[in-house]
Amino acid sequence: MQFPQRFQNLPEYAFPRLRRLLEGQAPGGPALAMSIGEPQHPFPAMVPEIIAQYAHEFGKYPPNEGTPELRQSIAAWLKRRYNVTLDPATQITALNGTREGLFNAAIALCPEQKNGKKPVILLPNPFYQCYMIAALTAGAEPVFVPATAETGFQPNFHAVPKDLLDRTAIVYLCSPSNPQGAVATEAYLKSLITLAEKHDFRIFADECYSEIYRHSPPPGALAAAQVADPERVLVFHSLSKRSNLPGLRSGFAAGGPKSIAALTQLRAYSGAPVPLPLQRVAEKVWADETHVEINRQLYKAKFDLADQVLGNMPGYRSPEAGFFLWLNVGNGEKAALKLWREKGIKVLPGSYLSRQNSAAFGSDDPGENFVRVALVATLGEIEVGLNAIRSVLGKNVQTRG
């Protein structure tokens, strides 16, 4: 029996791989997970009441594209947040979280050929693993573009060779970036859009960390693209991080009417619509900013604590946004194993989020020397974890992205 070649030799998914690394290793203290970015702060108190109010709607098939009320609420949020005006009926579609949207959009919008050749999809490296599998499923060649300290922890897509740019159909961009917490500036976004116009590719902007920032709100790709072809940019957002609702599985995509129509049509066959009571929750939660500000302040306190505990380590730099630390420890797997054995602290080796750079950028793996540390637990637990990292790794921590 044959299997698709494009899925052969894929790396194991990050978290099963971490479990295998630590298997049979006794923790050196009370176990503390700082490996997965699962928000732990309280979600809005209104959520259970709304679900109860609309519980009878579990008995109805939900609309695939989202209720008109939900799409209107999202459009109103985009206007408040980015000063972007979209038609909620044609430029927004509901998603079952952003991951399925980021995946399905590549299938819906990547052409079979680009300039007569196999299409290319450019990915930041390190990257959200969904991007790579989406590229392979769409029949495209994934090209890994390093996002390192030298490039401000955002990929320099202008450094991609012209022959690859001419084959590029889609660019995935994550801002604020996972895992480094770097923000793409307005100038960066406009420059990327100019490049996309020149070489005729789409930008898929994963902005799911946009509301967790320390100082200034990160710019958005839709705002930067207002003078460009409306089909040029598709953005993805969810309530998982913004509102501490990862289990709600509610997000959206927004962009040009043709792109949204193609994605919505594909999801009619392949997607899982968000249940109606949960769409009612999302409608109300997108309209509320009070809980978002409280959430942001809770994360700010954790990053201030990280500055205090790790700040005098050589090269330590605070993240701009998101909720991860990206620590250069010399060897990510060895450091993760050492932290677990000696203190019971579970972090994620950076190489589990990266691949070797594509040939145009050398053969280095930009995640190999790093660990990702998620600051999602309580402040007290984070203090324990950070002090453990300092005591175990000490001077091995070199840089912070």
Foldseek 3Di string as FASTA:
>chain_A
DDDDPLPPPDDDFFPVVLCVLCPPFAFQAPADEQADQQFDDDFDPCQVVLCVVCVVLLPDAADQFFDLLLLVLVQVLCCVQAVDHDDSVQFKGKALAQLVVLLLLLLLFPDCWQPNHAAEEEEEFLHDVSNSVSCSVNRHHYAYFYQDVVNQSWGDPVLPDPVNLLRYAEYEGEACDPPFQGAQALVNLLVVLVSCVVNVYAYEYEDAFQLQFQPDGGHDNCSSCVVDDQQRYKYKYACCLQRVCPVQSIIMIGTDRVSRVSSSVVCVPVGRGRRPSSSSVSSVVSNDCPSSVVSNVQLNVLQVLLCVLVVPAAAEDGRGTDFKKKWQQQFQSVLQNQLRNNHNYHWTQQLSSGAQGGPSVPGDRNRGRIIIGGPNDHSVSSNSVSNSSCVRRPNSGHHID
